[in-house]
C-alpha atoms as a PDB file:
ATOM      1  CA  MET A   1     197.710  66.420 184.304  1.00  0.00           C
ATOM      2  CA  PRO A   2     198.375  68.383 181.104  1.00  0.00           C
ATOM      3  CA  GLN A   3     195.940  67.841 178.260  1.00  0.00           C
ATOM      4  CA  LEU A   4     197.287  65.065 176.048  1.00  0.00           C
ATOM      5  CA  PRO A   5     197.346  65.656 172.285  1.00  0.00           C
ATOM      6  CA  LEU A   6     195.556  62.358 171.596  1.00  0.00           C
ATOM      7  CA  ASN A   7     195.029  62.991 167.889  1.00  0.00           C
ATOM      8  CA  ALA A   8     198.710  63.819 167.392  1.00  0.00           C
ATOM      9  CA  LEU A   9     199.791  60.763 169.397  1.00  0.00           C
ATOM     10  CA  ARG A  10     197.497  58.541 167.334  1.00  0.00           C
ATOM     11  CA  THR A  11     198.997  60.029 164.180  1.00  0.00           C
ATOM     12  CA  PHE A  12     202.513  59.442 165.525  1.00  0.00           C
ATOM     13  CA  GLU A  13     201.731  55.766 166.212  1.00  0.00           C
ATOM     14  CA  ALA A  14     200.294  55.259 162.724  1.00  0.00           C
ATOM     15  CA  VAL A  15     203.428  56.722 161.078  1.00  0.00           C
ATOM     16  CA  ALA A  16     205.976  55.221 163.496  1.00  0.00           C
ATOM     17  CA  SER A  17     204.602  51.675 163.297  1.00  0.00           C
ATOM     18  CA  ARG A  18     204.785  51.825 159.468  1.00  0.00           C
ATOM     19  CA  LEU A  19     207.792  54.143 159.102  1.00  0.00           C
ATOM     20  CA  SER A  20     205.876  55.911 156.361  1.00  0.00           C
ATOM     21  CA  PHE A  21     203.978  59.187 156.302  1.00  0.00           C
ATOM     22  CA  SER A  22     201.913  58.112 153.291  1.00  0.00           C
ATOM     23  CA  LYS A  23     200.960  54.732 154.749  1.00  0.00           C
ATOM     24  CA  GLY A  24     200.157  56.348 158.078  1.00  0.00           C
ATOM     25  CA  ALA A  25     197.926  58.848 156.324  1.00  0.00           C
ATOM     26  CA  GLU A  26     196.201  56.017 154.432  1.00  0.00           C
ATOM     27  CA  ALA A  27     195.583  54.119 157.667  1.00  0.00           C
ATOM     28  CA  LEU A  28     194.029  57.203 159.254  1.00  0.00           C
ATOM     29  CA  ASN A  29     192.143  58.141 156.094  1.00  0.00           C
ATOM     30  CA  VAL A  30     193.647  61.630 156.026  1.00  0.00           C
ATOM     31  CA  THR A  31     196.064  63.443 153.711  1.00  0.00           C
ATOM     32  CA  PRO A  32     199.870  63.164 154.084  1.00  0.00           C
ATOM     33  CA  ALA A  33     199.927  66.918 154.636  1.00  0.00           C
ATOM     34  CA  ALA A  34     197.612  66.561 157.621  1.00  0.00           C
ATOM     35  CA  VAL A  35     199.848  63.827 159.036  1.00  0.00           C
ATOM     36  CA  SER A  36     202.957  65.974 158.612  1.00  0.00           C
ATOM     37  CA  SER A  37     201.228  68.880 160.356  1.00  0.00           C
ATOM     38  CA  GLN A  38     200.266  66.697 163.349  1.00  0.00           C
ATOM     39  CA  ILE A  39     203.794  65.290 163.678  1.00  0.00           C
ATOM     40  CA  ARG A  40     205.377  68.756 163.527  1.00  0.00           C
ATOM     41  CA  ALA A  41     202.957  70.020 166.199  1.00  0.00           C
ATOM     42  CA  LEU A  42     203.792  67.049 168.448  1.00  0.00           C
ATOM     43  CA  GLU A  43     207.535  67.533 167.985  1.00  0.00           C
ATOM     44  CA  ASP A  44     207.179  71.247 168.791  1.00  0.00           C
ATOM     45  CA  ARG A  45     205.200  70.444 171.919  1.00  0.00           C
ATOM     46  CA  LEU A  46     207.725  67.838 173.122  1.00  0.00           C
ATOM     47  CA  GLY A  47     210.744  69.825 172.033  1.00  0.00           C
ATOM     48  CA  GLN A  48     212.121  66.661 170.461  1.00  0.00           C
ATOM     49  CA  LEU A  49     212.522  65.348 166.948  1.00  0.00           C
ATOM     50  CA  LEU A  50     210.714  62.042 166.616  1.00  0.00           C
ATOM     51  CA  PHE A  51     211.848  61.077 163.108  1.00  0.00           C
ATOM     52  CA  HIS A  52     214.998  61.269 161.019  1.00  0.00           C
ATOM     53  CA  ARG A  53     213.930  62.328 157.533  1.00  0.00           C
ATOM     54  CA  GLN A  54     216.076  61.374 154.549  1.00  0.00           C
ATOM     55  CA  GLY A  55     213.983  62.030 151.479  1.00  0.00           C
ATOM     56  CA  ARG A  56     211.044  59.621 151.602  1.00  0.00           C
ATOM     57  CA  VAL A  57     212.839  57.363 154.075  1.00  0.00           C
ATOM     58  CA  ILE A  58     212.149  57.984 157.760  1.00  0.00           C
ATOM     59  CA  THR A  59     213.493  56.338 160.891  1.00  0.00           C
ATOM     60  CA  LEU A  60     212.739  56.859 164.538  1.00  0.00           C
ATOM     61  CA  THR A  61     214.987  59.047 166.635  1.00  0.00           C
ATOM     62  CA  SER A  62     215.936  57.967 170.141  1.00  0.00           C
ATOM     63  CA  ALA A  63     213.046  60.063 171.488  1.00  0.00           C
ATOM     64  CA  GLY A  64     210.646  58.483 168.981  1.00  0.00           C
ATOM     65  CA  SER A  65     211.795  54.971 169.903  1.00  0.00           C
ATOM     66  CA  THR A  66     211.236  55.757 173.591  1.00  0.00           C
ATOM     67  CA  LEU A  67     207.799  57.256 172.987  1.00  0.00           C
ATOM     68  CA  LEU A  68     206.344  54.607 170.633  1.00  0.00           C
ATOM     69  CA  PRO A  69     205.846  51.646 173.054  1.00  0.00           C
ATOM     70  CA  GLY A  70     204.128  53.814 175.631  1.00  0.00           C
ATOM     71  CA  VAL A  71     201.810  55.365 173.034  1.00  0.00           C
ATOM     72  CA  GLN A  72     200.918  51.929 171.671  1.00  0.00           C
ATOM     73  CA  ARG A  73     200.148  50.614 175.150  1.00  0.00           C
ATOM     74  CA  GLY A  74     198.026  53.682 175.888  1.00  0.00           C
ATOM     75  CA  LEU A  75     196.059  53.470 172.644  1.00  0.00           C
ATOM     76  CA  THR A  76     195.480  49.755 173.200  1.00  0.00           C
ATOM     77  CA  GLU A  77     194.149  50.411 176.709  1.00  0.00           C
ATOM     78  CA  LEU A  78     191.876  53.159 175.408  1.00  0.00           C
ATOM     79  CA  SER A  79     190.586  50.873 172.683  1.00  0.00           C
ATOM     80  CA  LEU A  80     189.896  48.101 175.185  1.00  0.00           C
ATOM     81  CA  ALA A  81     188.124  50.514 177.535  1.00  0.00           C
ATOM     82  CA  VAL A  82     185.891  51.818 174.747  1.00  0.00           C
ATOM     83  CA  ARG A  83     185.162  48.271 173.538  1.00  0.00           C
ATOM     84  CA  SER A  84     184.308  47.192 177.088  1.00  0.00           C
ATOM     85  CA  LEU A  85     181.918  50.120 177.446  1.00  0.00           C
ATOM     86  CA  GLU A  86     180.287  49.338 174.105  1.00  0.00           C
ATOM     87  CA  GLU A  87     179.816  45.713 175.137  1.00  0.00           C
ATOM     88  CA  HIS A  88     178.361  46.819 178.476  1.00  0.00           C
ATOM     89  CA  MET A  89     175.918  49.067 176.637  1.00  0.00           C
ATOM     90  CA  ALA A  90     174.901  46.312 174.200  1.00  0.00           C
ATOM     91  CA  ARG A  91     174.744  43.291 176.502  1.00  0.00           C
ATOM     92  CA  GLY A  92     175.009  42.166 180.099  1.00  0.00           C
ATOM     93  CA  VAL A  93     172.797  43.182 183.020  1.00  0.00           C
ATOM     94  CA  LEU A  94     169.639  45.171 182.253  1.00  0.00           C
ATOM     95  CA  ASN A  95     167.740  46.363 185.348  1.00  0.00           C
ATOM     96  CA  VAL A  96     164.059  47.161 184.811  1.00  0.00           C
ATOM     97  CA  SER A  97     161.303  48.123 187.253  1.00  0.00           C
ATOM     98  CA  MET A  98     157.550  47.541 186.837  1.00  0.00           C
ATOM     99  CA  MET A  99     154.338  46.851 188.748  1.00  0.00           C
ATOM    100  CA  PRO A 100     153.977  43.268 190.061  1.00  0.00           C
ATOM    101  CA  SER A 101     150.599  42.859 188.332  1.00  0.00           C
ATOM    102  CA  PHE A 102     151.981  43.788 184.908  1.00  0.00           C
ATOM    103  CA  LEU A 103     154.938  41.464 185.390  1.00  0.00           C
ATOM    104  CA  GLN A 104     152.859  38.485 186.524  1.00  0.00           C
ATOM    105  CA  LYS A 105     149.889  38.762 184.192  1.00  0.00           C
ATOM    106  CA  TRP A 106     151.214  40.371 181.002  1.00  0.00           C
ATOM    107  CA  LEU A 107     154.985  40.125 180.748  1.00  0.00           C
ATOM    108  CA  MET A 108     155.721  36.763 182.372  1.00  0.00           C
ATOM    109  CA  PRO A 109     153.988  34.636 179.697  1.00  0.00           C
ATOM    110  CA  ARG A 110     156.104  36.376 177.032  1.00  0.00           C
ATOM    111  CA  LEU A 111     159.518  36.386 178.700  1.00  0.00           C
ATOM    112  CA  ALA A 112     160.619  32.990 177.349  1.00  0.00           C
ATOM    113  CA  ASP A 113     160.707  34.497 173.856  1.00  0.00           C
ATOM    114  CA  PHE A 114     162.932  37.350 175.045  1.00  0.00           C
ATOM    115  CA  TYR A 115     165.379  34.972 176.717  1.00  0.00           C
ATOM    116  CA  GLN A 116     165.592  32.819 173.587  1.00  0.00           C
ATOM    117  CA  THR A 117     166.194  35.734 171.230  1.00  0.00           C
ATOM    118  CA  HIS A 118     168.405  37.874 173.498  1.00  0.00           C
ATOM    119  CA  GLU A 119     170.717  35.466 175.284  1.00  0.00           C
ATOM    120  CA  ASP A 120     173.386  38.159 175.706  1.00  0.00           C
ATOM    121  CA  ILE A 121     171.111  40.388 177.831  1.00  0.00           C
ATOM    122  CA  ASP A 122     170.779  39.494 181.516  1.00  0.00           C
ATOM    123  CA  LEU A 123     167.316  40.906 182.258  1.00  0.00           C
ATOM    124  CA  ARG A 124     166.717  41.612 185.944  1.00  0.00           C
ATOM    125  CA  ILE A 125     163.261  42.798 186.983  1.00  0.00           C
ATOM    126  CA  ASN A 126     162.225  44.574 190.160  1.00  0.00           C
ATOM    127  CA  ALA A 127     158.474  44.267 190.774  1.00  0.00           C
ATOM    128  CA  ASP A 128     157.278  47.167 192.907  1.00  0.00           C
ATOM    129  CA  THR A 129     154.346  49.573 193.012  1.00  0.00           C
ATOM    130  CA  GLU A 130     156.680  52.421 194.018  1.00  0.00           C
ATOM    131  CA  LEU A 131     158.316  54.522 191.305  1.00  0.00           C
ATOM    132  CA  VAL A 132     162.024  53.771 191.076  1.00  0.00           C
ATOM    133  CA  SER A 133     164.522  56.634 191.371  1.00  0.00           C
ATOM    134  CA  PHE A 134     166.977  56.397 188.499  1.00  0.00           C
ATOM    135  CA  THR A 135     169.383  58.846 190.131  1.00  0.00           C
ATOM    136  CA  GLU A 136     169.679  56.795 193.326  1.00  0.00           C
ATOM    137  CA  THR A 137     169.662  53.251 191.887  1.00  0.00           C
ATOM    138  CA  ASP A 138     171.216  51.267 189.046  1.00  0.00           C
ATOM    139  CA  PHE A 139     167.951  50.795 187.132  1.00  0.00           C
ATOM    140  CA  HIS A 140     168.102  51.415 183.394  1.00  0.00           C
ATOM    141  CA  ALA A 141     164.377  51.590 182.591  1.00  0.00           C
ATOM    142  CA  ALA A 142     160.858  51.011 183.886  1.00  0.00           C
ATOM    143  CA  ILE A 143     157.364  50.205 182.669  1.00  0.00           C
ATOM    144  CA  ARG A 144     154.860  52.598 184.207  1.00  0.00           C
ATOM    145  CA  PHE A 145     151.100  53.064 184.076  1.00  0.00           C
ATOM    146  CA  GLY A 146     150.180  56.719 183.795  1.00  0.00           C
ATOM    147  CA  ARG A 147     149.723  59.716 181.532  1.00  0.00           C
ATOM    148  CA  GLY A 148     153.197  59.545 179.994  1.00  0.00           C
ATOM    149  CA  ARG A 149     154.691  62.545 181.773  1.00  0.00           C
ATOM    150  CA  TRP A 150     157.494  61.970 184.263  1.00  0.00           C
ATOM    151  CA  PRO A 151     159.922  64.889 184.738  1.00  0.00           C
ATOM    152  CA  GLY A 152     163.446  64.208 183.528  1.00  0.00           C
ATOM    153  CA  LEU A 153     162.532  60.946 181.771  1.00  0.00           C
ATOM    154  CA  LYS A 154     161.842  59.941 178.182  1.00  0.00           C
ATOM    155  CA  ALA A 155     158.636  57.953 177.713  1.00  0.00           C
ATOM    156  CA  SER A 156     157.410  55.762 174.867  1.00  0.00           C
ATOM    157  CA  LYS A 157     153.796  54.567 174.868  1.00  0.00           C
ATOM    158  CA  LEU A 158     153.414  50.789 174.820  1.00  0.00           C
ATOM    159  CA  LEU A 159     149.752  49.949 175.450  1.00  0.00           C
ATOM    160  CA  ASP A 160     146.392  51.558 175.943  1.00  0.00           C
ATOM    161  CA  ASP A 161     144.198  49.754 178.434  1.00  0.00           C
ATOM    162  CA  TRP A 162     140.570  49.155 179.324  1.00  0.00           C
ATOM    163  CA  THR A 163     138.769  48.107 182.490  1.00  0.00           C
ATOM    164  CA  LEU A 164     136.024  45.486 182.320  1.00  0.00           C
ATOM    165  CA  PRO A 165     133.991  43.264 184.658  1.00  0.00           C
ATOM    166  CA  VAL A 166     135.000  39.602 184.888  1.00  0.00           C
ATOM    167  CA  CYS A 167     134.058  36.561 186.935  1.00  0.00           C
ATOM    168  CA  SER A 168     134.463  32.800 186.904  1.00  0.00           C
ATOM    169  CA  PRO A 169     132.268  30.682 184.579  1.00  0.00           C
ATOM    170  CA  ALA A 170     130.851  28.911 187.651  1.00  0.00           C
ATOM    171  CA  TYR A 171     129.889  32.200 189.308  1.00  0.00           C
ATOM    172  CA  LEU A 172     128.146  33.439 186.153  1.00  0.00           C
ATOM    173  CA  GLU A 173     126.259  30.174 185.877  1.00  0.00           C
ATOM    174  CA  GLU A 174     125.210  30.555 189.515  1.00  0.00           C
ATOM    175  CA  ILE A 175     123.898  34.114 189.202  1.00  0.00           C
ATOM    176  CA  GLY A 176     122.471  33.807 185.700  1.00  0.00           C
ATOM    177  CA  PRO A 177     122.677  36.239 182.752  1.00  0.00           C
ATOM    178  CA  ILE A 178     123.587  39.901 183.357  1.00  0.00           C
ATOM    179  CA  GLU A 179     121.788  42.298 181.023  1.00  0.00           C
ATOM    180  CA  SER A 180     122.790  45.731 182.361  1.00  0.00           C
ATOM    181  CA  ALA A 181     125.518  47.401 184.383  1.00  0.00           C
ATOM    182  CA  THR A 182     123.158  48.281 187.227  1.00  0.00           C
ATOM    183  CA  GLN A 183     122.212  44.596 187.498  1.00  0.00           C
ATOM    184  CA  LEU A 184     125.799  43.977 188.633  1.00  0.00           C
ATOM    185  CA  LEU A 185     124.839  45.683 191.922  1.00  0.00           C
ATOM    186  CA  GLU A 186     122.797  42.607 192.820  1.00  0.00           C
ATOM    187  CA  HIS A 187     125.992  40.568 193.077  1.00  0.00           C
ATOM    188  CA  ARG A 188     129.279  40.631 194.982  1.00  0.00           C
ATOM    189  CA  LEU A 189     131.689  43.249 193.590  1.00  0.00           C
ATOM    190  CA  LEU A 190     135.322  42.734 194.487  1.00  0.00           C
ATOM    191  CA  ASN A 191     137.038  46.100 193.919  1.00  0.00           C
ATOM    192  CA  ARG A 192     137.524  48.609 196.698  1.00  0.00           C
ATOM    193  CA  GLU A 193     137.407  51.776 194.554  1.00  0.00           C
ATOM    194  CA  ASP A 194     133.790  52.924 194.150  1.00  0.00           C
ATOM    195  CA  LYS A 195     134.850  55.377 191.411  1.00  0.00           C
ATOM    196  CA  LEU A 196     135.739  52.498 189.102  1.00  0.00           C
ATOM    197  CA  TRP A 197     132.243  51.077 189.400  1.00  0.00           C
ATOM    198  CA  GLU A 198     130.621  54.514 189.083  1.00  0.00           C
ATOM    199  CA  LYS A 199     132.223  54.906 185.654  1.00  0.00           C
ATOM    200  CA  LEU A 200     130.575  51.663 184.668  1.00  0.00           C
ATOM    201  CA  PHE A 201     127.186  52.574 186.158  1.00  0.00           C
ATOM    202  CA  LYS A 202     127.508  56.197 184.964  1.00  0.00           C
ATOM    203  CA  ALA A 203     125.799  57.253 188.191  1.00  0.00           C
ATOM    204  CA  PRO A 204     127.739  58.651 191.198  1.00  0.00           C
ATOM    205  CA  GLY A 205     126.897  56.895 194.424  1.00  0.00           C
ATOM    206  CA  GLU A 206     125.459  53.802 192.782  1.00  0.00           C
ATOM    207  CA  ALA A 207     128.454  51.695 193.824  1.00  0.00           C
ATOM    208  CA  ALA A 208     127.582  52.255 197.491  1.00  0.00           C
ATOM    209  CA  LYS A 209     124.519  50.049 196.984  1.00  0.00           C
ATOM    210  CA  ARG A 210     126.587  46.975 196.190  1.00  0.00           C
ATOM    211  CA  ARG A 211     126.512  43.772 198.180  1.00  0.00           C
ATOM    212  CA  HIS A 212     129.256  43.065 200.684  1.00  0.00           C
ATOM    213  CA  GLY A 213     132.039  40.701 199.671  1.00  0.00           C
ATOM    214  CA  PRO A 214     135.854  40.323 199.843  1.00  0.00           C
ATOM    215  CA  VAL A 215     136.669  43.902 198.798  1.00  0.00           C
ATOM    216  CA  LEU A 216     140.259  44.113 197.493  1.00  0.00           C
ATOM    217  CA  ASN A 217     142.658  46.762 196.216  1.00  0.00           C
ATOM    218  CA  ASP A 218     145.264  44.581 194.476  1.00  0.00           C
ATOM    219  CA  SER A 219     144.710  43.587 190.842  1.00  0.00           C
ATOM    220  CA  VAL A 220     146.283  40.135 191.136  1.00  0.00           C
ATOM    221  CA  ALA A 221     144.235  39.420 194.272  1.00  0.00           C
ATOM    222  CA  ILE A 222     141.034  40.542 192.519  1.00  0.00           C
ATOM    223  CA  ILE A 223     141.774  38.224 189.598  1.00  0.00           C
ATOM    224  CA  ALA A 224     142.447  35.329 191.968  1.00  0.00           C
ATOM    225  CA  ALA A 225     139.246  36.032 193.908  1.00  0.00           C
ATOM    226  CA  ALA A 226     137.239  36.193 190.685  1.00  0.00           C
ATOM    227  CA  GLU A 227     138.713  32.891 189.501  1.00  0.00           C
ATOM    228  CA  GLU A 228     137.739  31.324 192.843  1.00  0.00           C
ATOM    229  CA  GLY A 229     134.161  32.432 192.344  1.00  0.00           C
ATOM    230  CA  HIS A 230     134.037  35.077 195.094  1.00  0.00           C
ATOM    231  CA  GLY A 231     132.343  37.690 192.918  1.00  0.00           C
ATOM    232  CA  ILE A 232     132.752  40.081 190.003  1.00  0.00           C
ATOM    233  CA  GLY A 233     135.900  42.168 189.634  1.00  0.00           C
ATOM    234  CA  LEU A 234     136.781  45.166 187.519  1.00  0.00           C
ATOM    235  CA  VAL A 235     140.204  44.460 186.045  1.00  0.00           C
ATOM    236  CA  ARG A 236     142.438  45.943 183.375  1.00  0.00           C
ATOM    237  CA  TRP A 237     142.303  44.167 180.019  1.00  0.00           C
ATOM    238  CA  SER A 238     146.085  43.787 179.887  1.00  0.00           C
ATOM    239  CA  LEU A 239     145.968  41.668 183.053  1.00  0.00           C
ATOM    240  CA  ILE A 240     143.088  39.311 182.249  1.00  0.00           C
ATOM    241  CA  ALA A 241     143.220  38.779 178.473  1.00  0.00           C
ATOM    242  CA  GLY A 242     145.034  35.484 179.037  1.00  0.00           C
ATOM    243  CA  GLU A 243     142.505  34.305 181.622  1.00  0.00           C
ATOM    244  CA  LEU A 244     139.631  35.165 179.278  1.00  0.00           C
ATOM    245  CA  ASP A 245     141.305  33.391 176.395  1.00  0.00           C
ATOM    246  CA  SER A 246     141.826  30.244 178.493  1.00  0.00           C
ATOM    247  CA  GLY A 247     138.289  30.316 179.865  1.00  0.00           C
ATOM    248  CA  ARG A 248     139.323  30.711 183.502  1.00  0.00           C
ATOM    249  CA  LEU A 249     137.404  33.994 183.515  1.00  0.00           C
ATOM    250  CA  VAL A 250     134.410  35.218 181.505  1.00  0.00           C
ATOM    251  CA  ARG A 251     132.800  38.584 180.861  1.00  0.00           C
ATOM    252  CA  PRO A 252     129.350  38.767 182.494  1.00  0.00           C
ATOM    253  CA  LEU A 253     128.608  41.925 180.516  1.00  0.00           C
ATOM    254  CA  PRO A 254     130.269  43.034 177.229  1.00  0.00           C
ATOM    255  CA  VAL A 255     131.200  46.547 178.397  1.00  0.00           C
ATOM    256  CA  THR A 256     134.600  48.227 178.671  1.00  0.00           C
ATOM    257  CA  ILE A 257     135.870  51.489 180.127  1.00  0.00           C
ATOM    258  CA  LYS A 258     138.794  53.102 178.285  1.00  0.00           C
ATOM    259  CA  SER A 259     141.446  54.005 180.830  1.00  0.00           C
ATOM    260  CA  ARG A 260     142.795  57.546 180.907  1.00  0.00           C
ATOM    261  CA  PHE A 261     146.175  55.975 181.683  1.00  0.00           C
ATOM    262  CA  ALA A 262     148.389  53.808 179.474  1.00  0.00           C
ATOM    263  CA  HIS A 263     151.491  51.654 179.850  1.00  0.00           C
ATOM    264  CA  TYR A 264     154.746  53.453 179.028  1.00  0.00           C
ATOM    265  CA  PHE A 265     158.378  52.470 178.682  1.00  0.00           C
ATOM    266  CA  VAL A 266     160.404  55.110 180.537  1.00  0.00           C
ATOM    267  CA  ALA A 267     164.117  55.694 181.020  1.00  0.00           C
ATOM    268  CA  PRO A 268     166.511  58.571 181.659  1.00  0.00           C
ATOM    269  CA  PRO A 269     167.676  60.212 178.398  1.00  0.00           C
ATOM    270  CA  TYR A 270     171.198  58.847 178.896  1.00  0.00           C
ATOM    271  CA  TYR A 271     169.858  55.260 179.025  1.00  0.00           C
ATOM    272  CA  PHE A 272     166.904  55.445 176.653  1.00  0.00           C
ATOM    273  CA  ASP A 273     168.874  54.675 173.467  1.00  0.00           C
ATOM    274  CA  MET A 274     171.565  52.497 175.065  1.00  0.00           C
ATOM    275  CA  PRO A 275     171.671  49.416 172.786  1.00  0.00           C
ATOM    276  CA  LYS A 276     170.470  46.845 175.327  1.00  0.00           C
ATOM    277  CA  VAL A 277     167.765  49.198 176.623  1.00  0.00           C
ATOM    278  CA  ALA A 278     166.618  50.012 173.087  1.00  0.00           C
ATOM    279  CA  GLU A 279     166.604  46.311 172.191  1.00  0.00           C
ATOM    280  CA  PHE A 280     164.335  45.488 175.137  1.00  0.00           C
ATOM    281  CA  ARG A 281     162.087  48.424 174.253  1.00  0.00           C
ATOM    282  CA  ARG A 282     161.783  47.284 170.620  1.00  0.00           C
ATOM    283  CA  TRP A 283     160.942  43.748 171.742  1.00  0.00           C
ATOM    284  CA  LEU A 284     158.237  45.104 174.067  1.00  0.00           C
ATOM    285  CA  GLU A 285     156.811  47.249 171.282  1.00  0.00           C
ATOM    286  CA  GLU A 286     156.556  44.198 169.011  1.00  0.00           C
ATOM    287  CA  CYS A 287     154.726  42.273 171.745  1.00  0.00           C
ATOM    288  CA  CYS A 288     152.361  45.181 172.314  1.00  0.00           C
ATOM    289  CA  ARG A 289     151.551  45.510 168.611  1.00  0.00           C
ATOM    290  CA  ALA A 290     150.569  41.831 168.598  1.00  0.00           C
ATOM    291  CA  PHE A 291     148.361  42.215 171.686  1.00  0.00           C
ATOM    292  CA  ALA A 292     144.666  42.432 170.756  1.00  0.00           C
ATOM    293  CA  THR A 293     142.281  45.077 172.092  1.00  0.00           C
ATOM    294  CA  PRO A 294     139.073  43.938 173.809  1.00  0.00           C
ATOM    295  CA  GLU A 295     137.112  44.582 170.605  1.00  0.00           C
ATOM    296  CA  GLU A 296     139.520  42.467 168.517  1.00  0.00           C
ATOM    297  CA  ALA A 297     139.429  39.717 171.142  1.00  0.00           C
ATOM    298  CA  GLY A 298     135.738  39.589 170.678  1.00  0.00           C
END
């Protein structure tokens, strides 16, 4: 298919539909000389005169009359295609991936606000611990917990995070006051990873001394077990701030461990600034700015 002179055809339509070089130039916001140059180039390429010129009066030749309807249909179809793409970029389905724990404990309580303020975006969330492949799926973006470096992706930091010990009010009442981190070893610790506890105790190997209990490796399960009074869990602040605020969980010891990871909004460069993706990212950023740190929560 030969390369179409789209600019010249657009110029032809503007002049032919108005039968005026000056009005066509005004519609295109160019000079009459530029319009005349485009028309001459198109006529030379087609080997056909498109206009009869009699002073300032112009009329379409037979070739011009034949060409005009097809050009108008083509430009209309192009305009509709571009408009459809713009609408697709600004609204419609938005596929996002994230960890189940972040979805359930942080995002879910806030989603009603997004739905109310962005009715034209059909947000669809895939909750999975595996990293989504943007090249092999139709996902537009993801929320990931890491260092902020994923090859081939743009990343915007959303939230820092902290890890802290929590338990149910009933469990704390049962075991009595906790005055030091090492005193936690006298009670049931729910997490599987000893390294998490060692950061709290600041002594390698100390976690091995802990009492046996329902040892878990899933954040949501640890939170549920803590709420049921099965022991003390180390959980990320982002996941249990709501439970602490409601009183379902309490802090047996006012200590926190700053995580070396953070929550990031990530997307391929070609999606990152797509209007609907950017709108979701801006909404998330607003929510994150309003989210208190452990120190602010008191």
